[in-house]
Amino acid sequence: MPESQTTPERGELARLHATTCLSMTQFINGRQCPKLAQMIVRQLNQLLMHPELEPVSQTREMYRQLLEHWQQIAAQLLEHRDARKSIVYH
């Protein structure tokens, strides 16, 4: 098969990768909310579980490292949000 053609799964993998990159860009450019961070975590999990991703590859390792990083970001944002909710003003 010529390289210019992609299987539906490869196209899906590329779209998921692009969507994840777009979400990360939105977050970095100021939309730093817990829901967006959680969405990025879900997308990275989907990338790691995608059947077309090689079981052992540099790409898989990159997604794994990104997942760990974004899990930390999401947890920190949730903690910060919860701490703000618990503040009582008198």
C-alpha atoms as a PDB file:
ATOM      1  CA  MET A   1       0.000   0.000   0.000  1.00  0.00           C
ATOM      2  CA  PRO A   2       1.442   3.421  -0.884  1.00  0.00           C
ATOM      3  CA  GLU A   3       2.331   5.657   2.046  1.00  0.00           C
ATOM      4  CA  SER A   4      -0.115   8.354   0.928  1.00  0.00           C
ATOM      5  CA  GLN A   5      -3.016   6.022   1.647  1.00  0.00           C
ATOM      6  CA  THR A   6      -4.066   5.351   5.207  1.00  0.00           C
ATOM      7  CA  THR A   7      -6.272   2.718   6.729  1.00  0.00           C
ATOM      8  CA  PRO A   8      -9.350   3.942   8.617  1.00  0.00           C
ATOM      9  CA  GLU A   9      -7.630   3.048  11.894  1.00  0.00           C
ATOM     10  CA  ARG A  10      -4.523   5.053  11.004  1.00  0.00           C
ATOM     11  CA  GLY A  11      -6.739   7.969  10.048  1.00  0.00           C
ATOM     12  CA  GLU A  12      -8.524   7.652  13.384  1.00  0.00           C
ATOM     13  CA  LEU A  13      -5.207   7.533  15.220  1.00  0.00           C
ATOM     14  CA  ALA A  14      -4.000  10.647  13.388  1.00  0.00           C
ATOM     15  CA  ARG A  15      -7.252  12.506  14.145  1.00  0.00           C
ATOM     16  CA  LEU A  16      -7.075  11.555  17.820  1.00  0.00           C
ATOM     17  CA  HIS A  17      -3.455  12.704  17.960  1.00  0.00           C
ATOM     18  CA  ALA A  18      -4.334  16.020  16.293  1.00  0.00           C
ATOM     19  CA  THR A  19      -7.325  16.553  18.601  1.00  0.00           C
ATOM     20  CA  THR A  20      -5.143  15.904  21.637  1.00  0.00           C
ATOM     21  CA  CYS A  21      -2.521  18.368  20.422  1.00  0.00           C
ATOM     22  CA  LEU A  22      -5.224  20.987  19.825  1.00  0.00           C
ATOM     23  CA  SER A  23      -6.598  20.465  23.332  1.00  0.00           C
ATOM     24  CA  MET A  24      -3.123  20.858  24.812  1.00  0.00           C
ATOM     25  CA  THR A  25      -2.607  24.055  22.815  1.00  0.00           C
ATOM     26  CA  GLN A  26      -5.916  25.461  24.058  1.00  0.00           C
ATOM     27  CA  PHE A  27      -4.900  24.692  27.625  1.00  0.00           C
ATOM     28  CA  ILE A  28      -1.465  26.273  27.239  1.00  0.00           C
ATOM     29  CA  ASN A  29      -2.985  29.366  25.609  1.00  0.00           C
ATOM     30  CA  GLY A  30      -5.078  30.174  28.651  1.00  0.00           C
ATOM     31  CA  ARG A  31      -8.028  27.801  28.902  1.00  0.00           C
ATOM     32  CA  GLN A  32      -6.653  26.117  31.998  1.00  0.00           C
ATOM     33  CA  CYS A  33      -9.716  24.455  33.443  1.00  0.00           C
ATOM     34  CA  PRO A  34      -9.954  21.037  35.108  1.00  0.00           C
ATOM     35  CA  LYS A  35     -12.430  19.715  32.529  1.00  0.00           C
ATOM     36  CA  LEU A  36     -10.054  20.394  29.647  1.00  0.00           C
ATOM     37  CA  ALA A  37      -7.173  18.760  31.531  1.00  0.00           C
ATOM     38  CA  GLN A  38      -9.367  15.705  32.223  1.00  0.00           C
ATOM     39  CA  MET A  39     -10.336  15.566  28.541  1.00  0.00           C
ATOM     40  CA  ILE A  40      -6.635  15.557  27.589  1.00  0.00           C
ATOM     41  CA  VAL A  41      -6.053  12.680  30.027  1.00  0.00           C
ATOM     42  CA  ARG A  42      -8.919  10.718  28.427  1.00  0.00           C
ATOM     43  CA  GLN A  43      -7.566  11.401  24.929  1.00  0.00           C
ATOM     44  CA  LEU A  44      -4.074  10.265  25.904  1.00  0.00           C
ATOM     45  CA  ASN A  45      -5.557   7.074  27.378  1.00  0.00           C
ATOM     46  CA  GLN A  46      -7.377   6.480  24.098  1.00  0.00           C
ATOM     47  CA  LEU A  47      -4.139   6.985  22.182  1.00  0.00           C
ATOM     48  CA  LEU A  48      -2.337   4.482  24.406  1.00  0.00           C
ATOM     49  CA  MET A  49      -5.118   1.899  23.977  1.00  0.00           C
ATOM     50  CA  HIS A  50      -5.462   2.401  20.225  1.00  0.00           C
ATOM     51  CA  PRO A  51      -5.029  -0.921  18.395  1.00  0.00           C
ATOM     52  CA  GLU A  52      -2.829   0.589  15.684  1.00  0.00           C
ATOM     53  CA  LEU A  53      -0.241   1.903  18.143  1.00  0.00           C
ATOM     54  CA  GLU A  54       2.788  -0.378  18.291  1.00  0.00           C
ATOM     55  CA  PRO A  55       3.031  -2.232  21.647  1.00  0.00           C
ATOM     56  CA  VAL A  56       6.630  -1.113  22.134  1.00  0.00           C
ATOM     57  CA  SER A  57       7.539   2.174  20.489  1.00  0.00           C
ATOM     58  CA  GLN A  58       8.883   5.636  21.138  1.00  0.00           C
ATOM     59  CA  THR A  59       5.435   7.020  20.366  1.00  0.00           C
ATOM     60  CA  ARG A  60       3.811   4.864  23.040  1.00  0.00           C
ATOM     61  CA  GLU A  61       6.447   5.959  25.559  1.00  0.00           C
ATOM     62  CA  MET A  62       5.850   9.608  24.655  1.00  0.00           C
ATOM     63  CA  TYR A  63       2.093   9.211  25.167  1.00  0.00           C
ATOM     64  CA  ARG A  64       2.718   7.431  28.487  1.00  0.00           C
ATOM     65  CA  GLN A  65       4.926  10.264  29.736  1.00  0.00           C
ATOM     66  CA  LEU A  66       2.414  12.864  28.558  1.00  0.00           C
ATOM     67  CA  LEU A  67      -0.365  10.963  30.317  1.00  0.00           C
ATOM     68  CA  GLU A  68       1.529  11.004  33.618  1.00  0.00           C
ATOM     69  CA  HIS A  69       2.188  14.738  33.245  1.00  0.00           C
ATOM     70  CA  TRP A  70      -1.431  15.603  32.392  1.00  0.00           C
ATOM     71  CA  GLN A  71      -2.753  13.412  35.203  1.00  0.00           C
ATOM     72  CA  GLN A  72      -0.718  15.536  37.602  1.00  0.00           C
ATOM     73  CA  ILE A  73      -1.991  18.756  36.048  1.00  0.00           C
ATOM     74  CA  ALA A  74      -5.608  17.574  36.231  1.00  0.00           C
ATOM     75  CA  ALA A  75      -5.212  16.519  39.865  1.00  0.00           C
ATOM     76  CA  GLN A  76      -3.634  19.853  40.819  1.00  0.00           C
ATOM     77  CA  LEU A  77      -6.408  21.803  39.114  1.00  0.00           C
ATOM     78  CA  LEU A  78      -9.077  19.755  40.878  1.00  0.00           C
ATOM     79  CA  GLU A  79      -7.368  20.271  44.241  1.00  0.00           C
ATOM     80  CA  HIS A  80      -7.131  24.000  43.603  1.00  0.00           C
ATOM     81  CA  ARG A  81     -10.789  24.163  42.562  1.00  0.00           C
ATOM     82  CA  ASP A  82     -11.901  22.179  45.608  1.00  0.00           C
ATOM     83  CA  ALA A  83      -9.819  24.373  47.924  1.00  0.00           C
ATOM     84  CA  ARG A  84     -11.493  27.495  46.528  1.00  0.00           C
ATOM     85  CA  LYS A  85     -14.927  25.961  47.078  1.00  0.00           C
ATOM     86  CA  SER A  86     -14.167  25.202  50.715  1.00  0.00           C
ATOM     87  CA  ILE A  87     -13.237  28.803  51.567  1.00  0.00           C
ATOM     88  CA  VAL A  88     -15.876  30.366  53.786  1.00  0.00           C
ATOM     89  CA  TYR A  89     -16.167  34.123  53.839  1.00  0.00           C
ATOM     90  CA  HIS A  90     -17.590  35.755  56.956  1.00  0.00           C
END
